N, C-alpha and C. Protein backbone atom coordinates (compact mmCIF):
# COMPACT_ATOMS: atom_id res chain seq x y z
N MET A 1 1.94 8.65 -50.30
CA MET A 1 0.91 7.84 -49.80
C MET A 1 1.18 6.98 -48.59
N SER A 2 0.41 7.10 -47.50
CA SER A 2 0.85 6.16 -46.37
C SER A 2 0.41 4.60 -46.79
N LYS A 3 1.27 3.96 -45.94
CA LYS A 3 0.97 2.41 -45.97
C LYS A 3 -0.30 2.23 -45.68
N LEU A 4 -0.77 1.11 -45.84
CA LEU A 4 -2.06 0.84 -45.28
C LEU A 4 -1.93 -0.74 -44.54
N SER A 5 -2.37 -0.94 -43.12
CA SER A 5 -2.03 -2.29 -42.68
C SER A 5 -3.64 -2.70 -42.54
N GLU A 6 -3.57 -4.02 -42.16
CA GLU A 6 -4.93 -4.81 -42.28
C GLU A 6 -5.19 -5.23 -40.84
N LYS A 7 -6.37 -5.39 -40.49
CA LYS A 7 -6.64 -5.73 -39.18
C LYS A 7 -6.60 -7.47 -39.16
N PRO A 8 -6.28 -7.91 -37.89
CA PRO A 8 -6.15 -9.53 -37.96
C PRO A 8 -7.22 -10.11 -38.64
N SER A 9 -8.44 -9.71 -38.46
CA SER A 9 -9.85 -10.38 -38.80
C SER A 9 -9.88 -9.94 -40.25
N GLU A 10 -9.03 -9.17 -41.06
CA GLU A 10 -9.24 -8.83 -42.48
C GLU A 10 -7.72 -9.24 -42.92
N ASN A 11 -7.08 -10.27 -42.36
CA ASN A 11 -5.48 -10.37 -43.04
C ASN A 11 -5.66 -10.87 -44.37
N LEU A 12 -4.39 -10.95 -44.77
CA LEU A 12 -4.12 -11.61 -46.34
C LEU A 12 -4.00 -13.02 -45.71
N ILE A 13 -4.64 -13.97 -46.68
CA ILE A 13 -4.44 -15.33 -46.48
C ILE A 13 -3.65 -15.91 -47.89
N ALA A 14 -2.92 -16.55 -47.66
CA ALA A 14 -2.05 -16.99 -48.71
C ALA A 14 -2.58 -17.98 -49.56
N TYR A 15 -3.74 -18.45 -49.10
CA TYR A 15 -4.57 -19.53 -50.08
C TYR A 15 -5.67 -18.92 -50.50
N GLY A 16 -5.62 -17.70 -50.83
CA GLY A 16 -7.05 -16.99 -51.30
C GLY A 16 -7.16 -17.41 -52.80
N PRO A 17 -8.20 -16.83 -53.24
CA PRO A 17 -8.43 -17.02 -54.93
C PRO A 17 -7.40 -16.76 -55.78
N ALA A 18 -7.04 -17.51 -56.85
CA ALA A 18 -6.21 -16.97 -57.71
C ALA A 18 -6.91 -16.13 -59.05
N PRO A 19 -6.23 -15.34 -59.56
CA PRO A 19 -6.59 -14.70 -60.68
C PRO A 19 -7.05 -15.67 -61.56
N LEU A 20 -7.84 -15.26 -62.77
CA LEU A 20 -8.35 -16.07 -63.67
C LEU A 20 -6.92 -16.57 -64.60
N SER A 21 -5.87 -15.74 -64.90
CA SER A 21 -4.86 -16.04 -65.49
C SER A 21 -3.59 -15.50 -64.77
N PRO A 22 -2.97 -16.17 -64.31
CA PRO A 22 -1.65 -15.62 -63.49
C PRO A 22 -0.54 -14.99 -64.30
N GLU A 23 -0.40 -13.77 -63.74
CA GLU A 23 0.38 -12.69 -64.67
C GLU A 23 1.90 -13.03 -64.22
N PHE A 24 2.23 -13.64 -63.20
CA PHE A 24 3.51 -13.71 -62.90
C PHE A 24 4.09 -15.17 -63.04
N SER A 25 5.28 -15.39 -63.57
CA SER A 25 5.88 -16.71 -63.67
C SER A 25 6.65 -17.02 -62.21
N LEU A 26 6.89 -18.36 -62.26
CA LEU A 26 7.35 -18.86 -61.10
C LEU A 26 8.60 -18.30 -60.61
N GLU A 27 9.49 -17.99 -61.64
CA GLU A 27 10.87 -17.18 -61.34
C GLU A 27 10.42 -16.15 -60.85
N GLN A 28 9.62 -15.01 -61.31
CA GLN A 28 9.02 -14.03 -60.94
C GLN A 28 8.70 -13.80 -59.43
N ARG A 29 7.64 -14.86 -59.23
CA ARG A 29 7.33 -14.84 -57.77
C ARG A 29 8.41 -15.16 -56.95
N ARG A 30 9.16 -16.17 -57.14
CA ARG A 30 10.51 -16.27 -56.36
C ARG A 30 11.30 -15.14 -56.12
N ALA A 31 11.37 -14.37 -57.13
CA ALA A 31 12.38 -13.27 -56.97
C ALA A 31 11.53 -12.13 -56.09
N LEU A 32 10.39 -12.06 -56.29
CA LEU A 32 9.71 -11.03 -55.35
C LEU A 32 9.90 -11.66 -53.75
N LEU A 33 9.53 -12.76 -53.79
CA LEU A 33 9.42 -13.31 -52.24
C LEU A 33 10.99 -13.25 -51.70
N ARG A 34 12.06 -13.39 -52.60
CA ARG A 34 13.38 -13.16 -51.98
C ARG A 34 13.56 -11.78 -51.72
N ILE A 35 13.05 -10.89 -52.47
CA ILE A 35 13.24 -9.49 -52.02
C ILE A 35 12.58 -9.22 -50.81
N ALA A 36 11.50 -9.61 -50.64
CA ALA A 36 10.67 -9.60 -49.29
C ALA A 36 11.56 -9.96 -48.31
N HIS A 37 12.21 -11.29 -48.12
CA HIS A 37 12.91 -11.89 -47.20
C HIS A 37 14.19 -10.87 -46.83
N GLY A 38 14.81 -10.69 -48.10
CA GLY A 38 16.08 -9.84 -47.83
C GLY A 38 15.88 -8.55 -47.42
N ALA A 39 15.12 -7.81 -47.71
CA ALA A 39 14.45 -6.41 -47.06
C ALA A 39 14.42 -6.81 -45.60
N ILE A 40 13.90 -7.73 -45.09
CA ILE A 40 13.80 -7.72 -43.69
C ILE A 40 15.18 -8.25 -42.95
N LEU A 41 15.78 -9.03 -43.81
CA LEU A 41 17.19 -9.49 -43.11
C LEU A 41 18.29 -8.30 -42.98
N SER A 42 18.06 -7.36 -44.34
CA SER A 42 18.84 -6.21 -44.20
C SER A 42 18.80 -5.28 -43.04
N VAL A 43 17.46 -5.06 -42.62
CA VAL A 43 17.28 -4.29 -41.38
C VAL A 43 17.81 -5.14 -40.15
N LEU A 44 17.58 -6.12 -39.94
CA LEU A 44 18.14 -7.01 -38.74
C LEU A 44 19.65 -7.08 -38.65
N GLU A 45 20.31 -7.17 -39.95
CA GLU A 45 21.68 -7.38 -39.94
C GLU A 45 22.19 -6.03 -40.16
N GLY A 46 21.41 -4.86 -40.25
CA GLY A 46 22.11 -3.50 -40.30
C GLY A 46 22.76 -3.31 -41.63
N GLN A 47 22.27 -3.93 -42.60
CA GLN A 47 22.85 -3.69 -44.08
C GLN A 47 21.98 -2.88 -45.02
N PRO A 48 22.50 -2.05 -45.71
CA PRO A 48 21.50 -1.12 -46.86
C PRO A 48 20.90 -2.24 -47.80
N PHE A 49 19.71 -1.88 -48.05
CA PHE A 49 19.28 -2.79 -49.04
C PHE A 49 19.73 -2.46 -50.81
N PRO A 50 19.94 -3.13 -51.31
CA PRO A 50 20.58 -2.69 -52.70
C PRO A 50 19.51 -2.15 -53.80
N ASN A 51 19.69 -1.19 -54.39
CA ASN A 51 18.87 -0.38 -55.26
C ASN A 51 18.60 -1.14 -56.61
N ALA A 52 19.51 -1.94 -56.94
CA ALA A 52 19.73 -2.66 -58.18
C ALA A 52 18.30 -3.29 -58.72
N LEU A 53 17.96 -3.34 -59.94
CA LEU A 53 16.69 -4.12 -60.31
C LEU A 53 16.86 -5.35 -60.12
N PRO A 54 15.91 -6.27 -59.88
CA PRO A 54 16.09 -7.75 -59.64
C PRO A 54 15.97 -8.45 -61.00
N SER A 55 16.58 -9.79 -61.00
CA SER A 55 16.45 -10.55 -62.06
C SER A 55 15.38 -11.70 -61.84
N PRO A 56 14.33 -12.06 -62.53
CA PRO A 56 14.17 -11.84 -63.92
C PRO A 56 13.34 -10.42 -64.23
N PRO A 57 13.63 -9.92 -65.30
CA PRO A 57 12.93 -8.43 -65.58
C PRO A 57 11.42 -8.58 -65.44
N GLY A 58 10.86 -7.57 -65.66
CA GLY A 58 9.39 -7.54 -65.48
C GLY A 58 8.69 -7.20 -64.38
N LEU A 59 9.41 -6.64 -63.34
CA LEU A 59 9.03 -6.34 -61.98
C LEU A 59 9.11 -4.96 -61.55
N SER A 60 9.39 -4.10 -62.64
CA SER A 60 9.60 -2.79 -62.37
C SER A 60 8.51 -1.75 -62.66
N GLU A 61 7.44 -2.38 -62.98
CA GLU A 61 6.20 -1.55 -63.25
C GLU A 61 5.55 -1.05 -62.05
N PRO A 62 5.16 0.22 -61.73
CA PRO A 62 4.60 0.51 -60.35
C PRO A 62 3.30 -0.25 -60.11
N ARG A 63 3.19 -1.03 -59.06
CA ARG A 63 1.96 -1.73 -58.66
C ARG A 63 1.85 -1.56 -57.22
N GLY A 64 0.40 -1.91 -57.10
CA GLY A 64 0.22 -1.73 -55.42
C GLY A 64 0.36 -3.39 -54.99
N VAL A 65 0.74 -3.54 -53.65
CA VAL A 65 1.07 -4.91 -53.11
C VAL A 65 0.88 -4.68 -51.68
N PHE A 66 0.40 -5.86 -51.17
CA PHE A 66 0.19 -6.08 -49.71
C PHE A 66 1.06 -7.27 -49.37
N THR A 67 1.86 -7.12 -48.40
CA THR A 67 2.79 -8.09 -47.65
C THR A 67 2.37 -8.58 -46.62
N THR A 68 2.16 -9.97 -46.30
CA THR A 68 1.62 -10.24 -44.80
C THR A 68 2.70 -11.42 -44.48
N LEU A 69 3.22 -11.41 -43.22
CA LEU A 69 3.93 -12.16 -42.49
C LEU A 69 3.36 -13.02 -41.72
N TYR A 70 3.75 -14.55 -41.51
CA TYR A 70 3.04 -15.29 -40.60
C TYR A 70 4.41 -15.97 -40.04
N LEU A 71 4.09 -16.25 -38.69
CA LEU A 71 5.26 -16.73 -38.04
C LEU A 71 4.63 -18.29 -37.44
N TYR A 72 5.99 -19.23 -37.90
CA TYR A 72 5.55 -20.62 -37.41
C TYR A 72 6.21 -20.76 -36.45
N SER A 73 5.73 -21.97 -35.75
CA SER A 73 6.44 -22.54 -34.24
C SER A 73 7.97 -23.27 -34.93
N ASP A 74 7.86 -23.68 -36.02
CA ASP A 74 9.18 -24.48 -36.27
C ASP A 74 9.74 -24.12 -37.58
N LEU A 75 10.83 -24.23 -38.02
CA LEU A 75 11.50 -24.05 -39.24
C LEU A 75 10.88 -24.72 -40.56
N HIS A 76 10.00 -25.84 -40.10
CA HIS A 76 9.50 -26.48 -41.36
C HIS A 76 7.92 -26.14 -41.37
N GLY A 77 7.52 -25.27 -40.95
CA GLY A 77 6.00 -24.73 -41.10
C GLY A 77 5.00 -25.93 -40.83
N ASN A 78 5.16 -26.85 -40.02
CA ASN A 78 4.32 -27.92 -39.63
C ASN A 78 3.13 -27.56 -38.89
N LEU A 79 3.30 -26.34 -37.94
CA LEU A 79 2.18 -26.02 -37.28
C LEU A 79 1.62 -24.68 -37.90
N PRO A 80 0.22 -24.55 -37.60
CA PRO A 80 -0.41 -23.36 -38.09
C PRO A 80 0.50 -22.04 -37.74
N GLY A 81 0.61 -21.18 -38.85
CA GLY A 81 1.19 -19.80 -38.66
C GLY A 81 0.36 -18.65 -38.07
N GLU A 82 0.88 -17.80 -37.30
CA GLU A 82 -0.04 -16.67 -36.81
C GLU A 82 0.52 -15.45 -37.24
N LEU A 83 -0.50 -14.65 -37.53
CA LEU A 83 -0.25 -13.50 -38.35
C LEU A 83 0.79 -12.59 -37.59
N ARG A 84 1.77 -12.09 -38.43
CA ARG A 84 2.75 -11.30 -37.67
C ARG A 84 3.17 -9.89 -38.12
N GLY A 85 2.27 -9.55 -39.05
CA GLY A 85 2.26 -8.39 -39.77
C GLY A 85 1.59 -8.14 -41.10
N CYS A 86 1.08 -7.13 -41.31
CA CYS A 86 0.76 -6.83 -42.80
C CYS A 86 0.51 -5.30 -42.99
N VAL A 87 0.99 -5.09 -44.25
CA VAL A 87 1.15 -3.61 -44.83
C VAL A 87 1.29 -3.64 -46.10
N GLY A 88 0.68 -2.54 -46.60
CA GLY A 88 0.56 -2.60 -48.18
C GLY A 88 0.34 -1.41 -48.74
N TYR A 89 0.42 -1.11 -50.20
CA TYR A 89 0.20 -0.14 -50.70
C TYR A 89 -0.79 -0.34 -51.60
N ALA A 90 -1.92 0.55 -51.48
CA ALA A 90 -3.15 0.08 -52.50
C ALA A 90 -2.99 0.58 -53.84
N LEU A 91 -2.16 1.88 -54.06
CA LEU A 91 -2.05 2.13 -55.31
C LEU A 91 -0.45 2.09 -55.71
N PRO A 92 -0.47 2.04 -57.19
CA PRO A 92 0.81 1.89 -57.70
C PRO A 92 1.62 3.04 -57.68
N ILE A 93 2.37 3.28 -56.59
CA ILE A 93 3.33 4.55 -56.35
C ILE A 93 4.64 4.31 -56.52
N VAL A 94 5.16 3.04 -56.57
CA VAL A 94 6.76 2.99 -56.86
C VAL A 94 6.77 1.47 -57.52
N PRO A 95 7.79 1.34 -58.12
CA PRO A 95 8.03 -0.21 -58.81
C PRO A 95 7.76 -1.34 -57.95
N LEU A 96 7.15 -2.24 -58.51
CA LEU A 96 6.68 -3.55 -57.98
C LEU A 96 7.78 -4.09 -56.91
N TYR A 97 8.94 -4.33 -57.40
CA TYR A 97 10.17 -4.80 -56.66
C TYR A 97 10.56 -3.86 -55.32
N ARG A 98 10.42 -2.49 -55.49
CA ARG A 98 10.74 -1.81 -54.39
C ARG A 98 9.37 -1.52 -53.45
N ALA A 99 8.24 -1.77 -54.10
CA ALA A 99 7.03 -1.98 -53.13
C ALA A 99 7.07 -2.93 -52.22
N VAL A 100 7.38 -4.16 -52.78
CA VAL A 100 7.71 -5.41 -52.23
C VAL A 100 8.59 -5.23 -51.00
N ALA A 101 9.81 -4.52 -51.29
CA ALA A 101 10.71 -4.48 -50.35
C ALA A 101 10.07 -3.67 -49.04
N GLU A 102 9.72 -2.59 -49.31
CA GLU A 102 9.14 -1.38 -48.52
C GLU A 102 8.05 -2.10 -47.58
N THR A 103 7.05 -2.67 -48.15
CA THR A 103 6.04 -3.35 -47.37
C THR A 103 6.33 -4.39 -46.68
N ALA A 104 7.58 -5.10 -46.89
CA ALA A 104 7.98 -6.32 -46.18
C ALA A 104 8.43 -5.72 -44.84
N ARG A 105 9.57 -4.44 -45.04
CA ARG A 105 9.96 -3.95 -43.95
C ARG A 105 9.06 -3.29 -43.04
N ALA A 106 8.06 -2.63 -43.68
CA ALA A 106 7.10 -2.02 -42.87
C ALA A 106 6.30 -3.30 -41.75
N ALA A 107 5.85 -4.30 -42.87
CA ALA A 107 5.21 -5.28 -42.05
C ALA A 107 6.06 -5.76 -40.74
N ALA A 108 7.31 -5.86 -41.07
CA ALA A 108 8.17 -6.62 -39.91
C ALA A 108 8.38 -5.52 -38.83
N PHE A 109 8.29 -4.46 -39.10
CA PHE A 109 9.11 -3.50 -38.07
C PHE A 109 8.17 -2.25 -37.83
N GLU A 110 6.97 -2.14 -38.60
CA GLU A 110 6.18 -0.88 -38.33
C GLU A 110 4.70 -1.05 -38.12
N ASP A 111 4.25 -2.38 -38.18
CA ASP A 111 3.00 -2.82 -37.81
C ASP A 111 2.84 -2.54 -36.64
N SER A 112 1.77 -1.20 -35.88
CA SER A 112 1.90 -1.04 -34.81
C SER A 112 1.14 -2.02 -33.78
N ARG A 113 0.50 -3.29 -34.42
CA ARG A 113 -0.05 -4.12 -33.58
C ARG A 113 0.67 -5.00 -33.04
N PHE A 114 1.94 -5.27 -33.42
CA PHE A 114 3.08 -6.24 -33.10
C PHE A 114 4.20 -5.54 -32.87
N LEU A 115 5.08 -6.28 -32.12
CA LEU A 115 6.35 -5.99 -31.83
C LEU A 115 7.16 -6.20 -32.73
N PRO A 116 8.46 -5.50 -33.26
CA PRO A 116 9.05 -5.84 -34.29
C PRO A 116 9.89 -7.16 -34.38
N VAL A 117 9.73 -7.61 -35.58
CA VAL A 117 10.37 -8.96 -35.82
C VAL A 117 11.63 -9.06 -35.32
N THR A 118 11.91 -10.31 -34.72
CA THR A 118 13.75 -10.54 -34.27
C THR A 118 14.41 -11.39 -34.97
N GLN A 119 15.62 -11.34 -34.77
CA GLN A 119 16.65 -12.03 -35.65
C GLN A 119 16.13 -13.54 -35.45
N GLU A 120 15.68 -13.92 -34.25
CA GLU A 120 15.29 -15.21 -34.07
C GLU A 120 14.07 -15.81 -34.79
N GLU A 121 13.11 -14.67 -35.08
CA GLU A 121 12.01 -15.12 -35.64
C GLU A 121 11.98 -15.13 -37.28
N ALA A 122 13.10 -14.57 -37.85
CA ALA A 122 13.28 -14.43 -39.35
C ALA A 122 13.37 -15.61 -39.91
N PRO A 123 13.88 -16.68 -39.40
CA PRO A 123 14.16 -18.01 -40.36
C PRO A 123 12.41 -18.54 -40.34
N LYS A 124 11.76 -18.18 -39.33
CA LYS A 124 10.52 -19.04 -39.11
C LYS A 124 9.26 -18.44 -39.78
N LEU A 125 9.63 -16.93 -40.55
CA LEU A 125 8.59 -16.26 -40.97
C LEU A 125 8.13 -16.78 -42.48
N GLU A 126 6.97 -16.95 -42.65
CA GLU A 126 6.32 -17.23 -44.33
C GLU A 126 6.00 -15.85 -44.65
N ILE A 127 6.28 -15.55 -45.96
CA ILE A 127 5.54 -14.29 -46.48
C ILE A 127 4.58 -14.66 -47.52
N SER A 128 3.50 -13.96 -47.58
CA SER A 128 2.64 -13.82 -48.66
C SER A 128 2.57 -12.69 -49.24
N LEU A 129 2.36 -12.51 -50.48
CA LEU A 129 2.43 -11.18 -51.31
C LEU A 129 1.16 -11.41 -51.93
N SER A 130 0.46 -10.14 -52.07
CA SER A 130 -0.64 -10.08 -52.94
C SER A 130 -0.70 -8.69 -53.84
N VAL A 131 -0.44 -9.13 -55.05
CA VAL A 131 -0.09 -8.03 -55.83
C VAL A 131 -1.40 -7.58 -56.53
N LEU A 132 -1.70 -6.16 -56.56
CA LEU A 132 -2.82 -5.81 -57.05
C LEU A 132 -2.63 -5.16 -58.48
N SER A 133 -3.82 -5.24 -59.15
CA SER A 133 -3.88 -4.85 -60.59
C SER A 133 -4.27 -3.36 -60.41
N ARG A 134 -4.17 -2.73 -61.18
CA ARG A 134 -4.53 -1.23 -61.47
C ARG A 134 -6.13 -1.04 -60.99
N LEU A 135 -6.36 0.05 -60.10
CA LEU A 135 -7.73 0.34 -59.97
C LEU A 135 -8.39 0.51 -61.08
N PHE A 136 -9.90 0.30 -61.30
CA PHE A 136 -10.65 0.66 -62.19
C PHE A 136 -12.19 0.83 -61.55
N PRO A 137 -12.88 1.82 -62.20
CA PRO A 137 -14.23 1.96 -61.85
C PRO A 137 -15.05 0.95 -61.96
N ILE A 138 -16.06 0.78 -61.02
CA ILE A 138 -17.04 -0.70 -61.29
C ILE A 138 -18.14 -0.20 -60.70
N HIS A 139 -19.21 -0.87 -61.38
CA HIS A 139 -20.75 -0.66 -60.81
C HIS A 139 -21.26 -1.68 -59.78
N PRO A 140 -21.72 -1.31 -58.82
CA PRO A 140 -21.86 -2.47 -57.58
C PRO A 140 -22.28 -3.74 -58.17
N GLU A 141 -23.26 -3.59 -59.21
CA GLU A 141 -23.71 -5.11 -59.64
C GLU A 141 -22.82 -5.96 -60.52
N LYS A 142 -21.56 -5.23 -60.63
CA LYS A 142 -20.48 -5.99 -61.44
C LYS A 142 -19.55 -6.51 -60.56
N VAL A 143 -19.63 -6.38 -59.14
CA VAL A 143 -18.70 -6.82 -58.31
C VAL A 143 -18.69 -8.16 -58.02
N GLU A 144 -17.60 -8.84 -58.41
CA GLU A 144 -17.80 -10.48 -58.19
C GLU A 144 -16.93 -10.92 -56.74
N VAL A 145 -17.58 -11.23 -56.04
CA VAL A 145 -17.22 -11.85 -54.75
C VAL A 145 -16.12 -13.03 -54.93
N GLY A 146 -14.79 -12.69 -54.41
CA GLY A 146 -13.89 -13.68 -54.68
C GLY A 146 -12.89 -13.23 -55.61
N ARG A 147 -13.30 -12.43 -56.60
CA ARG A 147 -12.70 -12.02 -57.68
C ARG A 147 -12.18 -10.58 -57.57
N HIS A 148 -12.93 -9.68 -57.06
CA HIS A 148 -12.70 -8.39 -56.68
C HIS A 148 -12.35 -7.73 -55.54
N GLY A 149 -11.37 -7.08 -55.59
CA GLY A 149 -11.16 -6.17 -54.13
C GLY A 149 -11.87 -4.78 -54.40
N LEU A 150 -12.02 -4.26 -53.50
CA LEU A 150 -12.75 -2.80 -53.20
C LEU A 150 -12.02 -1.83 -52.76
N LEU A 151 -12.21 -0.47 -53.23
CA LEU A 151 -11.81 0.48 -52.75
C LEU A 151 -12.93 1.58 -52.76
N ILE A 152 -13.36 1.98 -51.69
CA ILE A 152 -14.40 2.95 -51.67
C ILE A 152 -13.97 4.45 -51.04
N SER A 153 -14.30 5.46 -51.44
CA SER A 153 -13.71 6.50 -51.03
C SER A 153 -14.89 7.79 -51.15
N HIS A 154 -14.60 8.46 -50.46
CA HIS A 154 -15.64 10.06 -50.16
C HIS A 154 -14.98 10.96 -49.34
N GLY A 155 -14.38 11.99 -50.12
CA GLY A 155 -13.77 13.08 -49.25
C GLY A 155 -12.40 12.34 -48.76
N ALA A 156 -12.00 12.69 -47.97
CA ALA A 156 -10.91 12.32 -47.03
C ALA A 156 -11.09 10.78 -46.68
N ARG A 157 -12.18 9.91 -46.56
CA ARG A 157 -12.37 8.80 -45.94
C ARG A 157 -12.20 7.93 -47.23
N ARG A 158 -11.48 6.73 -46.98
CA ARG A 158 -11.10 5.70 -47.89
C ARG A 158 -11.22 4.34 -47.21
N GLY A 159 -11.62 3.23 -47.72
CA GLY A 159 -11.58 2.19 -47.21
C GLY A 159 -11.37 0.93 -48.25
N LEU A 160 -10.42 0.02 -48.07
CA LEU A 160 -10.04 -0.94 -48.90
C LEU A 160 -10.11 -2.39 -48.33
N LEU A 161 -10.82 -3.35 -48.95
CA LEU A 161 -10.76 -4.85 -48.56
C LEU A 161 -10.32 -5.68 -49.87
N LEU A 162 -9.79 -6.61 -49.46
CA LEU A 162 -8.93 -7.42 -50.52
C LEU A 162 -9.95 -8.54 -50.99
N PRO A 163 -9.66 -8.93 -52.07
CA PRO A 163 -10.81 -10.33 -52.85
C PRO A 163 -10.75 -11.50 -51.97
N GLN A 164 -9.98 -11.56 -51.06
CA GLN A 164 -10.12 -12.85 -49.96
C GLN A 164 -11.19 -12.69 -49.10
N VAL A 165 -11.24 -11.11 -48.69
CA VAL A 165 -11.88 -10.94 -47.33
C VAL A 165 -13.55 -11.25 -47.36
N PRO A 166 -14.07 -11.30 -48.43
CA PRO A 166 -15.56 -11.69 -48.20
C PRO A 166 -15.70 -13.27 -48.34
N VAL A 167 -14.63 -13.87 -48.98
CA VAL A 167 -14.91 -15.35 -49.11
C VAL A 167 -14.40 -15.94 -47.66
N GLU A 168 -13.39 -15.16 -47.01
CA GLU A 168 -13.40 -15.84 -45.59
C GLU A 168 -14.48 -15.76 -44.56
N HIS A 169 -15.13 -14.36 -45.14
CA HIS A 169 -16.49 -14.38 -43.81
C HIS A 169 -17.55 -14.79 -44.52
N GLY A 170 -17.69 -15.27 -45.51
CA GLY A 170 -18.96 -15.82 -46.23
C GLY A 170 -19.89 -14.71 -46.79
N TRP A 171 -19.45 -13.45 -47.11
CA TRP A 171 -20.39 -12.47 -47.40
C TRP A 171 -20.78 -12.49 -48.80
N ASP A 172 -22.15 -11.94 -49.22
CA ASP A 172 -22.52 -11.76 -50.42
C ASP A 172 -22.00 -10.49 -50.82
N ARG A 173 -22.47 -10.07 -52.02
CA ARG A 173 -22.00 -8.95 -52.53
C ARG A 173 -22.41 -7.60 -51.86
N GLU A 174 -23.71 -7.47 -51.54
CA GLU A 174 -24.04 -6.50 -50.76
C GLU A 174 -23.34 -6.17 -49.36
N THR A 175 -23.12 -7.36 -48.50
CA THR A 175 -22.43 -7.34 -47.36
C THR A 175 -21.17 -6.89 -47.73
N PHE A 176 -20.50 -7.25 -48.71
CA PHE A 176 -19.09 -6.73 -49.06
C PHE A 176 -18.88 -5.37 -49.27
N LEU A 177 -19.92 -4.77 -49.98
CA LEU A 177 -19.96 -3.41 -50.27
C LEU A 177 -20.22 -2.67 -48.81
N GLU A 178 -21.08 -3.02 -48.25
CA GLU A 178 -21.31 -2.66 -46.98
C GLU A 178 -19.96 -2.32 -46.02
N GLN A 179 -19.49 -3.58 -45.89
CA GLN A 179 -18.26 -3.57 -45.02
C GLN A 179 -17.20 -2.73 -45.57
N THR A 180 -17.08 -2.74 -47.01
CA THR A 180 -16.02 -1.88 -47.38
C THR A 180 -16.36 -0.51 -46.93
N CYS A 181 -17.58 0.15 -46.88
CA CYS A 181 -17.95 1.39 -46.39
C CYS A 181 -17.54 1.55 -44.96
N ARG A 182 -17.80 0.35 -44.29
CA ARG A 182 -17.48 0.31 -42.84
C ARG A 182 -16.17 0.45 -42.58
N LYS A 183 -15.31 0.08 -43.27
CA LYS A 183 -13.73 0.22 -43.24
C LYS A 183 -13.21 1.64 -43.58
N ALA A 184 -14.09 2.26 -44.40
CA ALA A 184 -13.70 3.74 -44.73
C ALA A 184 -14.27 4.68 -43.68
N GLY A 185 -15.12 4.25 -42.56
CA GLY A 185 -15.67 5.06 -41.64
C GLY A 185 -16.99 5.89 -42.35
N LEU A 186 -17.59 5.15 -43.11
CA LEU A 186 -18.89 5.78 -44.10
C LEU A 186 -20.00 5.00 -43.69
N PRO A 187 -21.20 5.47 -43.87
CA PRO A 187 -22.48 4.80 -43.82
C PRO A 187 -22.54 3.72 -44.64
N LEU A 188 -22.98 2.63 -44.12
CA LEU A 188 -23.21 1.35 -44.79
C LEU A 188 -23.84 1.36 -46.02
N ASP A 189 -24.41 2.51 -46.42
CA ASP A 189 -25.14 2.58 -47.71
C ASP A 189 -24.39 3.51 -48.49
N ALA A 190 -23.44 4.07 -48.14
CA ALA A 190 -22.53 4.90 -48.87
C ALA A 190 -22.36 4.42 -50.62
N TRP A 191 -22.29 3.23 -50.63
CA TRP A 191 -22.14 2.76 -52.01
C TRP A 191 -23.23 2.92 -52.88
N ARG A 192 -24.53 3.17 -52.47
CA ARG A 192 -25.59 3.57 -53.04
C ARG A 192 -25.86 4.91 -53.37
N LYS A 193 -25.01 5.90 -52.76
CA LYS A 193 -24.94 7.14 -52.81
C LYS A 193 -23.72 7.88 -53.68
N ASN A 194 -23.08 8.60 -53.04
CA ASN A 194 -22.24 9.53 -53.97
C ASN A 194 -20.78 9.15 -53.63
N ALA A 195 -20.52 8.03 -52.96
CA ALA A 195 -18.95 7.41 -52.72
C ALA A 195 -18.42 7.12 -54.08
N THR A 196 -17.01 7.12 -54.30
CA THR A 196 -16.52 6.59 -55.41
C THR A 196 -16.21 5.20 -55.09
N LEU A 197 -16.73 4.15 -55.86
CA LEU A 197 -16.29 2.78 -55.84
C LEU A 197 -15.23 2.23 -57.30
N GLU A 198 -14.20 1.93 -56.72
CA GLU A 198 -13.27 1.15 -57.60
C GLU A 198 -13.04 -0.30 -57.10
N ALA A 199 -12.40 -0.91 -58.20
CA ALA A 199 -12.00 -2.41 -58.03
C ALA A 199 -10.70 -2.69 -58.40
N PHE A 200 -10.31 -3.73 -57.97
CA PHE A 200 -9.01 -4.42 -58.37
C PHE A 200 -9.22 -5.75 -58.20
N THR A 201 -8.20 -6.42 -58.85
CA THR A 201 -7.68 -8.11 -58.59
C THR A 201 -6.51 -8.09 -58.11
N ALA A 202 -6.14 -9.52 -57.55
CA ALA A 202 -4.95 -9.63 -56.79
C ALA A 202 -4.41 -11.01 -57.12
N GLU A 203 -3.13 -11.11 -57.23
CA GLU A 203 -2.66 -12.42 -57.53
C GLU A 203 -1.77 -12.66 -56.17
N VAL A 204 -2.24 -13.60 -55.56
CA VAL A 204 -1.71 -13.98 -54.29
C VAL A 204 -0.81 -15.28 -54.40
N PHE A 205 0.57 -15.27 -53.39
CA PHE A 205 1.14 -16.44 -53.74
C PHE A 205 2.18 -16.00 -52.31
N SER A 206 2.76 -17.24 -51.93
CA SER A 206 3.41 -17.19 -50.67
C SER A 206 4.66 -18.24 -50.88
N ASP A 207 5.56 -18.20 -49.94
CA ASP A 207 6.72 -19.07 -49.81
C ASP A 207 6.47 -20.65 -50.16
N GLY A 208 5.43 -20.95 -49.43
CA GLY A 208 5.00 -22.37 -49.58
C GLY A 208 4.74 -22.71 -50.99
N ASP A 209 4.16 -21.76 -51.63
CA ASP A 209 3.59 -22.03 -53.01
C ASP A 209 4.61 -22.17 -54.04
N VAL A 210 5.89 -21.55 -53.64
CA VAL A 210 6.93 -21.67 -54.73
C VAL A 210 8.31 -22.20 -54.19
N GLN A 211 8.15 -22.50 -53.11
CA GLN A 211 9.39 -23.17 -52.22
C GLN A 211 10.68 -22.48 -52.40
N VAL A 212 10.57 -21.29 -51.99
CA VAL A 212 11.72 -20.24 -52.02
C VAL A 212 12.89 -21.00 -51.34
N ALA A 213 14.19 -20.85 -51.93
CA ALA A 213 15.44 -21.41 -51.51
C ALA A 213 15.90 -20.44 -50.55
N SER A 214 16.48 -20.72 -49.41
CA SER A 214 17.25 -19.81 -48.50
C SER A 214 18.51 -19.37 -48.98
């Protein structure tokens, strides 16, 4: 499966709605963010990234994840960050720790909207992770804005929007459904017809949330 990148107007925001019951501990969140930073640094330094399982445990289940990079003007993050890359796996195709490493590297060096991250920029990056639940079928009337992300598909066309997106844009449920269809290149009313609608939730956290030590 190919990686998915987000448009700047639909980028991941580190301060989006939290899941009803956080799945990952503070230690696990820190471990995942360190993996993301380490994956980027390994490319910049020309070093192989280790295949060993991270510690703490509980991060090897296959999960979808989106990794977003923000670039700050100073090392302290005192000024607003600008989007620097966003790539993700919508489906659980590799273990979570590996998905984080792969999407972090892709966001830093393969997002075609941006030049590759440089060595000078690396210390000023803030990383936000959005770990997705498994996809599940959902009826349109059951979609909760701010709680569910959506994946709509018909034939070879697929469109995905994260739970944060309708909140950022002030969309109601129907607009959210229509815009997910638009993302897939489908008619806006495809969700009413024969398109397949699936939902997911996302647990979102960033460096600033967990104070990752360098």
